[in-house]
Protein backbone atom coordinates (compact mmCIF):
# COMPACT_ATOMS: atom_id res chain seq x y z
CA MET A 1 10.84 -37.59 -38.29
CA ALA A 2 11.19 -37.20 -34.49
CA GLU A 3 8.37 -37.89 -32.42
CA VAL A 4 6.13 -35.02 -31.27
CA LEU A 5 6.14 -34.93 -27.55
CA LEU A 6 4.24 -31.85 -26.43
CA GLU A 7 1.65 -30.70 -28.72
CA ILE A 8 -0.40 -27.13 -27.84
CA SER A 9 -3.86 -26.76 -29.81
CA GLY A 10 -6.00 -23.20 -29.44
CA LEU A 11 -4.38 -22.48 -25.96
CA ALA A 12 -6.48 -19.62 -24.76
CA LYS A 13 -6.39 -17.69 -21.26
CA ALA A 14 -7.62 -14.02 -20.18
CA TYR A 15 -7.90 -12.15 -17.61
CA GLY A 16 -11.19 -9.96 -18.24
CA ALA A 17 -10.34 -8.03 -21.68
CA LEU A 18 -6.57 -9.00 -21.69
CA HIS A 19 -5.63 -11.93 -23.60
CA VAL A 20 -2.77 -13.39 -22.06
CA THR A 21 -2.57 -16.50 -24.80
CA ALA A 22 -5.02 -15.97 -27.94
CA GLY A 23 -5.24 -19.57 -29.90
CA VAL A 24 -1.66 -20.63 -29.64
CA ASP A 25 -0.43 -23.78 -31.37
CA LEU A 26 2.73 -24.95 -30.63
CA SER A 27 4.65 -28.45 -30.66
CA VAL A 28 7.68 -29.37 -29.02
CA HIS A 29 9.17 -33.18 -30.53
CA SER A 30 11.72 -35.43 -28.87
CA GLY A 31 15.69 -34.51 -28.53
CA GLU A 32 14.73 -30.54 -30.34
CA ILE A 33 15.23 -27.33 -28.07
CA HIS A 34 12.41 -25.30 -29.18
CA ALA A 35 12.88 -21.69 -28.32
CA LEU A 36 10.04 -19.34 -27.21
CA ILE A 37 10.67 -15.52 -27.56
CA GLY A 38 8.85 -12.30 -27.73
CA PRO A 39 9.09 -9.06 -26.02
CA ASN A 40 8.09 -8.46 -22.38
CA GLY A 41 4.57 -8.80 -21.44
CA ALA A 42 4.04 -11.14 -24.73
CA GLY A 43 2.77 -14.05 -22.30
CA LYS A 44 5.23 -16.58 -22.31
CA THR A 45 5.75 -17.20 -18.39
CA THR A 46 1.74 -17.62 -18.47
CA LEU A 47 1.71 -20.18 -21.68
CA VAL A 48 4.76 -21.93 -19.85
CA ALA A 49 2.51 -21.90 -16.82
CA GLN A 50 -0.22 -23.85 -18.36
CA ILE A 51 1.83 -26.29 -20.07
CA ALA A 52 3.02 -27.11 -16.14
CA GLY A 53 -0.35 -27.01 -15.09
CA GLU A 54 -0.36 -24.08 -12.84
CA VAL A 55 -2.59 -21.95 -14.80
CA MET A 56 -5.50 -23.56 -16.21
CA PRO A 57 -6.50 -22.32 -19.97
CA ASP A 58 -10.04 -20.85 -20.69
CA ALA A 59 -9.56 -23.04 -24.25
CA GLY A 60 -7.72 -25.54 -26.33
CA ALA A 61 -5.89 -28.50 -25.64
CA ILE A 62 -2.48 -29.38 -24.40
CA ARG A 63 -1.36 -32.87 -25.19
CA PHE A 64 1.92 -34.70 -23.72
CA ALA A 65 3.51 -37.85 -25.03
CA GLY A 66 0.13 -38.52 -27.00
CA SER A 67 -2.24 -38.10 -24.29
CA ASP A 68 -4.38 -34.96 -23.03
CA ILE A 69 -2.70 -33.48 -20.07
CA THR A 70 -5.11 -29.97 -20.62
CA ARG A 71 -7.00 -30.43 -17.00
CA LEU A 72 -4.25 -32.77 -14.96
CA PRO A 73 -2.65 -30.75 -11.99
CA VAL A 74 0.99 -30.15 -11.44
CA HIS A 75 1.83 -33.54 -9.66
CA ARG A 76 0.26 -35.45 -12.43
CA ARG A 77 2.05 -33.73 -15.59
CA ALA A 78 5.63 -34.30 -13.56
CA ARG A 79 4.91 -37.71 -12.95
CA ARG A 80 4.31 -38.06 -16.61
CA GLY A 81 7.69 -36.64 -17.66
CA LEU A 82 7.23 -32.40 -17.02
CA ALA A 83 10.17 -30.75 -15.32
CA ARG A 84 10.17 -26.71 -14.69
CA SER A 85 12.52 -24.57 -13.86
CA PHE A 86 11.77 -20.86 -12.97
CA GLN A 87 13.15 -17.06 -13.79
CA ILE A 88 14.41 -16.82 -10.11
CA THR A 89 15.79 -20.14 -8.59
CA SER A 90 14.31 -22.34 -5.82
CA VAL A 91 16.61 -24.04 -3.74
CA PHE A 92 16.94 -24.23 -0.20
CA PRO A 93 19.96 -22.28 0.60
CA GLY A 94 20.59 -23.90 4.29
CA PHE A 95 21.79 -27.54 2.84
CA THR A 96 23.70 -28.58 0.58
CA VAL A 97 24.15 -29.04 -2.73
CA ARG A 98 23.89 -32.80 -2.27
CA GLU A 99 21.12 -32.43 0.18
CA ASN A 100 18.92 -30.10 -2.14
CA VAL A 101 19.07 -32.94 -4.85
CA ALA A 102 19.02 -35.81 -2.79
CA LEU A 103 15.06 -34.07 -1.19
CA ALA A 104 14.41 -33.67 -5.13
CA VAL A 105 14.98 -37.72 -5.84
CA MET A 106 13.50 -38.53 -2.38
CA ALA A 107 10.48 -36.59 -3.47
CA ALA A 108 10.65 -38.05 -7.55
CA ARG A 109 10.05 -41.23 -5.96
CA GLY A 110 7.49 -40.53 -4.01
CA ARG A 111 8.69 -40.96 -0.27
CA THR A 112 8.10 -38.57 2.55
CA PHE A 113 10.56 -36.93 4.76
CA ARG A 114 10.92 -34.92 7.20
CA LEU A 115 13.39 -31.91 7.56
CA LEU A 116 14.39 -32.72 10.58
CA ARG A 117 16.03 -36.33 9.02
CA PRO A 118 18.87 -35.15 6.87
CA ALA A 119 18.71 -35.86 3.43
CA SER A 120 22.30 -37.02 3.97
CA ALA A 121 20.96 -40.13 5.94
CA ASP A 122 19.56 -41.84 2.46
CA ARG A 123 22.39 -43.40 0.73
CA GLU A 124 20.60 -44.06 -2.55
CA ALA A 125 19.45 -40.56 -2.74
CA ASN A 126 22.79 -39.31 -2.09
CA ALA A 127 24.25 -41.35 -4.35
CA GLN A 128 21.60 -40.57 -7.38
CA ALA A 129 22.31 -36.79 -6.24
CA GLU A 130 26.33 -37.17 -7.32
CA LEU A 131 25.37 -38.30 -10.46
CA LEU A 132 23.02 -35.79 -11.24
CA LEU A 133 25.17 -33.20 -10.20
CA ALA A 134 27.92 -34.33 -12.38
CA GLU A 135 25.71 -34.08 -15.14
CA VAL A 136 25.26 -30.76 -14.28
CA GLY A 137 29.17 -29.81 -14.09
CA LEU A 138 28.69 -29.66 -10.30
CA ALA A 139 30.56 -33.09 -9.41
CA GLY A 140 33.37 -30.79 -6.96
CA ARG A 141 30.65 -28.82 -4.88
CA SER A 142 28.23 -31.03 -3.47
CA ARG A 143 29.06 -30.55 -0.10
CA VAL A 144 28.78 -26.59 -0.42
CA ALA A 145 26.14 -25.01 1.18
CA ALA A 146 23.32 -23.76 -1.64
CA SER A 147 23.89 -20.00 -0.28
CA GLY A 148 27.40 -20.25 -1.41
CA LEU A 149 26.70 -20.60 -5.03
CA SER A 150 27.17 -18.22 -7.60
CA HIS A 151 24.12 -17.55 -9.45
CA GLY A 152 24.66 -19.49 -12.03
CA GLU A 153 25.87 -22.23 -10.26
CA LYS A 154 22.38 -22.26 -8.80
CA ARG A 155 20.65 -22.37 -11.94
CA ALA A 156 22.79 -25.41 -12.39
CA LEU A 157 21.23 -26.74 -9.51
CA GLU A 158 18.06 -25.91 -9.89
CA LEU A 159 18.51 -28.28 -13.03
CA ALA A 160 19.91 -31.10 -11.58
CA MET A 161 16.62 -31.02 -9.08
CA GLY A 162 14.18 -30.56 -12.22
CA LEU A 163 16.21 -33.58 -13.42
CA ALA A 164 15.61 -35.92 -10.48
CA ALA A 165 12.45 -37.45 -11.91
CA ARG A 166 14.38 -38.13 -14.99
CA PRO A 167 11.51 -35.81 -17.16
CA ARG A 168 10.85 -36.00 -21.06
CA LEU A 169 10.37 -32.56 -21.50
CA LEU A 170 12.08 -29.51 -19.72
CA LEU A 171 10.20 -26.04 -19.41
CA LEU A 172 13.10 -23.75 -18.80
CA ASP A 173 12.08 -20.35 -18.09
CA GLU A 174 14.79 -17.78 -18.43
CA PRO A 175 17.61 -19.89 -17.09
CA MET A 176 20.32 -17.07 -18.56
CA ALA A 177 18.84 -14.76 -16.31
CA GLY A 178 20.69 -12.70 -13.94
CA THR A 179 24.18 -14.73 -15.49
CA GLY A 180 27.43 -13.00 -16.46
CA PRO A 181 29.20 -13.85 -19.91
CA THR A 182 31.00 -16.70 -18.22
CA GLU A 183 28.48 -18.49 -16.67
CA SER A 184 25.66 -17.53 -19.52
CA ALA A 185 28.28 -19.68 -21.62
CA ALA A 186 28.69 -22.39 -19.18
CA MET A 187 24.64 -22.63 -19.10
CA VAL A 188 24.47 -23.03 -22.64
CA ALA A 189 27.52 -25.70 -22.76
CA LEU A 190 24.99 -27.83 -20.32
CA LEU A 191 21.92 -27.27 -22.11
CA GLU A 192 23.43 -28.42 -25.23
CA ARG A 193 24.69 -31.43 -23.50
CA LEU A 194 21.23 -32.04 -21.55
CA LYS A 195 18.84 -31.98 -25.27
CA ARG A 196 21.03 -35.51 -26.06
CA GLN A 197 18.78 -36.66 -23.34
CA TYR A 198 15.82 -34.07 -23.00
CA ALA A 199 13.40 -32.22 -25.28
CA ILE A 200 13.21 -28.42 -23.81
CA LEU A 201 11.12 -25.48 -24.60
CA LEU A 202 13.08 -22.51 -23.68
CA VAL A 203 12.27 -19.20 -22.55
CA GLU A 204 15.01 -16.92 -23.34
CA HIS A 205 15.68 -12.91 -23.46
CA ASP A 206 19.42 -13.80 -24.55
CA MET A 207 19.37 -14.09 -28.67
CA GLU A 208 22.97 -14.87 -29.02
CA ALA A 209 21.81 -18.01 -26.41
CA VAL A 210 18.51 -19.07 -28.36
CA PHE A 211 19.94 -18.77 -32.16
CA ARG A 212 22.84 -20.69 -30.96
CA LEU A 213 20.82 -23.69 -28.90
CA ALA A 214 17.02 -23.49 -30.87
CA ASP A 215 16.60 -25.84 -33.54
CA ARG A 216 13.29 -24.35 -34.21
CA ILE A 217 11.88 -20.80 -32.14
CA SER A 218 8.35 -19.70 -31.96
CA VAL A 219 7.67 -15.84 -31.50
CA LEU A 220 5.02 -14.94 -29.14
CA VAL A 221 3.82 -11.47 -29.34
CA ALA A 222 0.62 -9.88 -27.33
CA GLY A 223 -0.39 -13.93 -26.83
CA ARG A 224 0.03 -15.16 -30.34
CA ILE A 225 2.37 -17.12 -31.86
CA ILE A 226 3.42 -14.73 -34.97
CA ALA A 227 6.35 -17.01 -35.91
CA CYS A 228 7.89 -20.56 -36.02
CA GLY A 229 10.35 -21.83 -37.97
CA THR A 230 14.52 -22.45 -38.03
CA PRO A 231 16.46 -19.56 -36.19
CA ASP A 232 17.26 -18.91 -40.07
CA GLU A 233 13.80 -18.63 -40.88
CA VAL A 234 13.22 -16.63 -37.71
CA ARG A 235 16.20 -13.79 -38.35
CA ALA A 236 14.75 -13.36 -41.96
CA ASP A 237 11.02 -13.09 -40.78
CA ASP A 238 9.63 -9.46 -41.46
CA ARG A 239 7.28 -9.55 -39.01
CA VAL A 240 9.95 -11.07 -36.40
CA LYS A 241 12.31 -8.05 -37.27
CA ALA A 242 9.29 -5.75 -36.97
CA ALA A 243 7.74 -6.76 -33.07
CA TYR A 244 10.94 -8.31 -31.75
CA LEU A 245 14.34 -8.42 -32.84
CA GLY A 246 14.43 -4.59 -34.08
CA GLU A 247 14.36 -4.31 -30.48
CA GLU A 248 17.42 -6.15 -29.80
CA ALA A 249 19.42 -4.33 -33.15
């Protein structure tokens, strides 16, 4: 059986009377894509923010690779192998594609740098950047300014930047958001390839992509996991149909 890489138990977060997460239990195994789905406002992004360390839970525990990381700050979780992407791309538009990734490589190595000193001056970082760009399908775009990329290419670039630290787990928040059918298909193919090397917790509204990619799916509604299982099990669950999938019919 695959190693349990991430284990969340009893995670709770409230803002006043609003319980954003209410006793969430969830696990992610090595080598799997675990999708987290649910209607808007269900608490998915807040849950991912708690896993990443951007939001501290009120109660519960988060264990990663066997260690309790519940109270660790973001940078210490990143060093242990957690990487996150966001709904909105966060690249440097005035830098080339390769420079963006080279900067991420330098940061992952703990190197300080000045923006006045171009990332292109670091040969080792650039060599690593080229390998990462090839991994996400952007090898031919390395010299293009990030501002010149399509939306889908920017999402792939953001992934390459996230992979710079060679994480064990990727937290992906709607990587298909805003992409067209061609770009969405390219992202699905990319995630299928990455699954061989990284565990992935995937938050996504594209149900076709979710049911194609996920090994397991958890359904979050009003801050609670109402179902967890294989895609077939979740698709057949009457609670899920009533609470969420029915909206997509």
